[in-house]
Amino acid sequence: MSRAEWESLCDGCGRCCLNKLEDYDTGEIAWTDVACTLLDDKTCRCRDYENRTRVIPDCVPLDAATVRTIAWLPPTCAYRLIAEDRDLYWWHPLLSGDPETVKLAGISVEGKVISEDEIPVEEYEDRVVTWPEEEG
């Protein structure tokens, strides 16, 4: 798969750019509505995609090998679905032909998040949410 083909798998939901909390004992992931400082909450895209790993040192670039090892990717993520040999959802832009279907399906974080710049990390636990299609 070419880089452009790989990148086209991103549905633009923005959920991978949200801060997650992991229980130290169980490994359970809790989703928050706290977005990375680089996430544009109107487009659900990174404001500095090419330099994101320099600006945000713990940003994890997604490649075919990495997605197989990441437990926190959203269950709707096309990278995860492809790695698990599962089908994309009907609303994925590659199937629907329309990037707006991600919003129509309620999967996008557009307008539903707060930037990490606006909230101290100590308050992240107060920002735990359940996103659509999230698996238990």
C-alpha atoms as a PDB file:
ATOM      1  CA  MET A   1       0.000   0.000   0.000  1.00  0.00           C
ATOM      2  CA  SER A   2       1.392   3.408  -0.914  1.00  0.00           C
ATOM      3  CA  ARG A   3       1.650   6.197   1.659  1.00  0.00           C
ATOM      4  CA  ALA A   4      -1.261   8.026   0.008  1.00  0.00           C
ATOM      5  CA  GLU A   5      -3.403   4.879   0.108  1.00  0.00           C
ATOM      6  CA  TRP A   6      -2.502   4.321   3.759  1.00  0.00           C
ATOM      7  CA  GLU A   7      -3.315   7.927   4.655  1.00  0.00           C
ATOM      8  CA  SER A   8      -6.662   7.656   2.843  1.00  0.00           C
ATOM      9  CA  LEU A   9      -7.743   5.089   5.436  1.00  0.00           C
ATOM     10  CA  CYS A  10      -8.042   7.856   8.031  1.00  0.00           C
ATOM     11  CA  ASP A  11     -11.731   8.755   8.302  1.00  0.00           C
ATOM     12  CA  GLY A  12     -10.981  12.066  10.013  1.00  0.00           C
ATOM     13  CA  CYS A  13     -12.946  11.320  13.185  1.00  0.00           C
ATOM     14  CA  GLY A  14     -10.219  12.764  15.424  1.00  0.00           C
ATOM     15  CA  ARG A  15     -10.674  10.172  18.163  1.00  0.00           C
ATOM     16  CA  CYS A  16      -7.087   8.925  18.042  1.00  0.00           C
ATOM     17  CA  CYS A  17      -5.989  12.464  18.951  1.00  0.00           C
ATOM     18  CA  LEU A  18      -7.872  12.457  22.242  1.00  0.00           C
ATOM     19  CA  ASN A  19      -6.200  11.929  25.576  1.00  0.00           C
ATOM     20  CA  LYS A  20      -6.945   8.540  27.084  1.00  0.00           C
ATOM     21  CA  LEU A  21      -6.474   7.311  30.614  1.00  0.00           C
ATOM     22  CA  GLU A  22      -5.129   3.821  31.217  1.00  0.00           C
ATOM     23  CA  ASP A  23      -5.734   1.954  34.447  1.00  0.00           C
ATOM     24  CA  TYR A  24      -2.293   0.939  35.686  1.00  0.00           C
ATOM     25  CA  ASP A  25      -3.538  -2.361  37.165  1.00  0.00           C
ATOM     26  CA  THR A  26      -6.010  -3.553  34.526  1.00  0.00           C
ATOM     27  CA  GLY A  27      -4.813  -1.834  31.357  1.00  0.00           C
ATOM     28  CA  GLU A  28      -8.383  -0.644  30.764  1.00  0.00           C
ATOM     29  CA  ILE A  29      -8.614   2.464  28.585  1.00  0.00           C
ATOM     30  CA  ALA A  30     -10.924   5.335  29.550  1.00  0.00           C
ATOM     31  CA  TRP A  31     -11.721   7.809  26.772  1.00  0.00           C
ATOM     32  CA  THR A  32     -11.864  11.537  27.442  1.00  0.00           C
ATOM     33  CA  ASP A  33     -13.089  14.522  25.480  1.00  0.00           C
ATOM     34  CA  VAL A  34      -9.711  16.230  25.933  1.00  0.00           C
ATOM     35  CA  ALA A  35      -7.999  16.752  22.585  1.00  0.00           C
ATOM     36  CA  CYS A  36      -4.343  17.072  21.715  1.00  0.00           C
ATOM     37  CA  THR A  37      -3.251  20.684  21.399  1.00  0.00           C
ATOM     38  CA  LEU A  38      -2.676  20.127  17.666  1.00  0.00           C
ATOM     39  CA  LEU A  39      -6.164  18.807  16.888  1.00  0.00           C
ATOM     40  CA  ASP A  40      -8.300  21.296  15.005  1.00  0.00           C
ATOM     41  CA  ASP A  41     -11.710  20.599  16.515  1.00  0.00           C
ATOM     42  CA  LYS A  42     -13.503  21.996  13.461  1.00  0.00           C
ATOM     43  CA  THR A  43     -11.772  19.838  10.837  1.00  0.00           C
ATOM     44  CA  CYS A  44     -10.711  16.959  13.125  1.00  0.00           C
ATOM     45  CA  ARG A  45      -7.285  17.086  11.530  1.00  0.00           C
ATOM     46  CA  CYS A  46      -3.856  17.799  12.946  1.00  0.00           C
ATOM     47  CA  ARG A  47      -2.780  21.426  12.647  1.00  0.00           C
ATOM     48  CA  ASP A  48       0.847  20.361  12.066  1.00  0.00           C
ATOM     49  CA  TYR A  49       0.657  16.796  10.780  1.00  0.00           C
ATOM     50  CA  GLU A  50       4.126  16.694   9.221  1.00  0.00           C
ATOM     51  CA  ASN A  51       5.837  17.911  12.410  1.00  0.00           C
ATOM     52  CA  ARG A  52       3.492  16.386  14.993  1.00  0.00           C
ATOM     53  CA  THR A  53       6.006  13.965  16.496  1.00  0.00           C
ATOM     54  CA  ARG A  54       8.528  16.763  17.028  1.00  0.00           C
ATOM     55  CA  VAL A  55       5.929  19.091  18.559  1.00  0.00           C
ATOM     56  CA  ILE A  56       4.234  16.327  20.589  1.00  0.00           C
ATOM     57  CA  PRO A  57       6.942  13.807  21.547  1.00  0.00           C
ATOM     58  CA  ASP A  58       4.456  11.128  22.673  1.00  0.00           C
ATOM     59  CA  CYS A  59       2.421  11.323  19.442  1.00  0.00           C
ATOM     60  CA  VAL A  60       2.320   7.829  17.960  1.00  0.00           C
ATOM     61  CA  PRO A  61       2.575   7.711  14.163  1.00  0.00           C
ATOM     62  CA  LEU A  62       0.273   5.029  12.825  1.00  0.00           C
ATOM     63  CA  ASP A  63       1.756   2.504  10.446  1.00  0.00           C
ATOM     64  CA  ALA A  64       0.807  -1.070   9.583  1.00  0.00           C
ATOM     65  CA  ALA A  65       3.021  -2.555  12.298  1.00  0.00           C
ATOM     66  CA  THR A  66       2.133  -0.068  15.024  1.00  0.00           C
ATOM     67  CA  VAL A  67      -1.650  -0.345  14.678  1.00  0.00           C
ATOM     68  CA  ARG A  68      -1.450  -4.038  15.550  1.00  0.00           C
ATOM     69  CA  THR A  69       0.063  -3.195  18.928  1.00  0.00           C
ATOM     70  CA  ILE A  70      -2.085  -0.237  20.021  1.00  0.00           C
ATOM     71  CA  ALA A  71      -4.984  -1.040  22.338  1.00  0.00           C
ATOM     72  CA  TRP A  72      -6.360   2.505  22.369  1.00  0.00           C
ATOM     73  CA  LEU A  73      -7.295   2.929  18.719  1.00  0.00           C
ATOM     74  CA  PRO A  74     -11.034   3.489  18.383  1.00  0.00           C
ATOM     75  CA  PRO A  75     -12.924   0.328  17.440  1.00  0.00           C
ATOM     76  CA  THR A  76     -14.193   2.178  14.356  1.00  0.00           C
ATOM     77  CA  CYS A  77     -10.698   3.141  13.167  1.00  0.00           C
ATOM     78  CA  ALA A  78     -10.044   1.955   9.617  1.00  0.00           C
ATOM     79  CA  TYR A  79      -6.406   1.243  10.434  1.00  0.00           C
ATOM     80  CA  ARG A  80      -7.527  -1.070  13.229  1.00  0.00           C
ATOM     81  CA  LEU A  81     -10.292  -2.645  11.144  1.00  0.00           C
ATOM     82  CA  ILE A  82      -7.900  -3.423   8.274  1.00  0.00           C
ATOM     83  CA  ALA A  83      -5.344  -4.892  10.704  1.00  0.00           C
ATOM     84  CA  GLU A  84      -8.100  -7.110  12.140  1.00  0.00           C
ATOM     85  CA  ASP A  85      -9.277  -8.090   8.633  1.00  0.00           C
ATOM     86  CA  ARG A  86     -12.661  -6.474   9.221  1.00  0.00           C
ATOM     87  CA  ASP A  87     -14.809  -4.326   6.948  1.00  0.00           C
ATOM     88  CA  LEU A  88     -15.004  -0.553   7.092  1.00  0.00           C
ATOM     89  CA  TYR A  89     -18.206   1.010   8.393  1.00  0.00           C
ATOM     90  CA  TRP A  90     -20.771   2.340   5.895  1.00  0.00           C
ATOM     91  CA  TRP A  91     -19.983   5.923   6.847  1.00  0.00           C
ATOM     92  CA  HIS A  92     -16.267   5.708   6.030  1.00  0.00           C
ATOM     93  CA  PRO A  93     -15.497   8.239   3.272  1.00  0.00           C
ATOM     94  CA  LEU A  94     -13.868   5.543   1.100  1.00  0.00           C
ATOM     95  CA  LEU A  95     -17.223   3.720   1.027  1.00  0.00           C
ATOM     96  CA  SER A  96     -19.688   6.597   1.216  1.00  0.00           C
ATOM     97  CA  GLY A  97     -17.745   8.912  -1.065  1.00  0.00           C
ATOM     98  CA  ASP A  98     -18.529  11.742   1.335  1.00  0.00           C
ATOM     99  CA  PRO A  99     -16.318  12.889   4.247  1.00  0.00           C
ATOM    100  CA  GLU A 100     -19.423  14.324   5.950  1.00  0.00           C
ATOM    101  CA  THR A 101     -20.836  10.854   6.701  1.00  0.00           C
ATOM    102  CA  VAL A 102     -18.358  10.511   9.585  1.00  0.00           C
ATOM    103  CA  LYS A 103     -20.121  13.475  11.199  1.00  0.00           C
ATOM    104  CA  LEU A 104     -23.594  12.284  10.219  1.00  0.00           C
ATOM    105  CA  ALA A 105     -22.927   8.925  11.882  1.00  0.00           C
ATOM    106  CA  GLY A 106     -21.902  10.703  15.099  1.00  0.00           C
ATOM    107  CA  ILE A 107     -18.371   9.296  15.019  1.00  0.00           C
ATOM    108  CA  SER A 108     -16.515  12.585  14.571  1.00  0.00           C
ATOM    109  CA  VAL A 109     -15.354  14.543  17.624  1.00  0.00           C
ATOM    110  CA  GLU A 110     -16.094  17.814  15.861  1.00  0.00           C
ATOM    111  CA  GLY A 111     -17.527  20.280  18.368  1.00  0.00           C
ATOM    112  CA  LYS A 112     -17.449  17.685  21.182  1.00  0.00           C
ATOM    113  CA  VAL A 113     -13.980  18.207  22.647  1.00  0.00           C
ATOM    114  CA  ILE A 114     -11.898  20.609  24.693  1.00  0.00           C
ATOM    115  CA  SER A 115      -8.222  21.301  24.029  1.00  0.00           C
ATOM    116  CA  GLU A 116      -5.700  20.031  26.529  1.00  0.00           C
ATOM    117  CA  ASP A 117      -4.471  23.628  26.640  1.00  0.00           C
ATOM    118  CA  GLU A 118      -7.668  24.594  28.454  1.00  0.00           C
ATOM    119  CA  ILE A 119      -7.689  22.019  31.237  1.00  0.00           C
ATOM    120  CA  PRO A 120      -5.125  20.742  33.743  1.00  0.00           C
ATOM    121  CA  VAL A 121      -4.200  17.074  33.481  1.00  0.00           C
ATOM    122  CA  GLU A 122      -5.469  16.560  37.030  1.00  0.00           C
ATOM    123  CA  GLU A 123      -9.003  17.163  35.709  1.00  0.00           C
ATOM    124  CA  TYR A 124      -8.882  14.605  32.869  1.00  0.00           C
ATOM    125  CA  GLU A 125     -10.673  12.029  35.032  1.00  0.00           C
ATOM    126  CA  ASP A 126     -13.630  14.418  35.146  1.00  0.00           C
ATOM    127  CA  ARG A 127     -13.701  14.396  31.334  1.00  0.00           C
ATOM    128  CA  VAL A 128     -14.184  10.643  30.747  1.00  0.00           C
ATOM    129  CA  VAL A 129     -16.817   9.989  28.071  1.00  0.00           C
ATOM    130  CA  THR A 130     -18.241   7.145  26.019  1.00  0.00           C
ATOM    131  CA  TRP A 131     -17.917   7.549  22.270  1.00  0.00           C
ATOM    132  CA  PRO A 132     -20.214   5.854  19.708  1.00  0.00           C
ATOM    133  CA  GLU A 133     -19.327   2.289  18.774  1.00  0.00           C
ATOM    134  CA  GLU A 134     -16.887   2.060  21.676  1.00  0.00           C
ATOM    135  CA  GLU A 135     -16.320  -1.534  22.691  1.00  0.00           C
ATOM    136  CA  GLY A 136     -16.527  -2.365  26.378  1.00  0.00           C
END
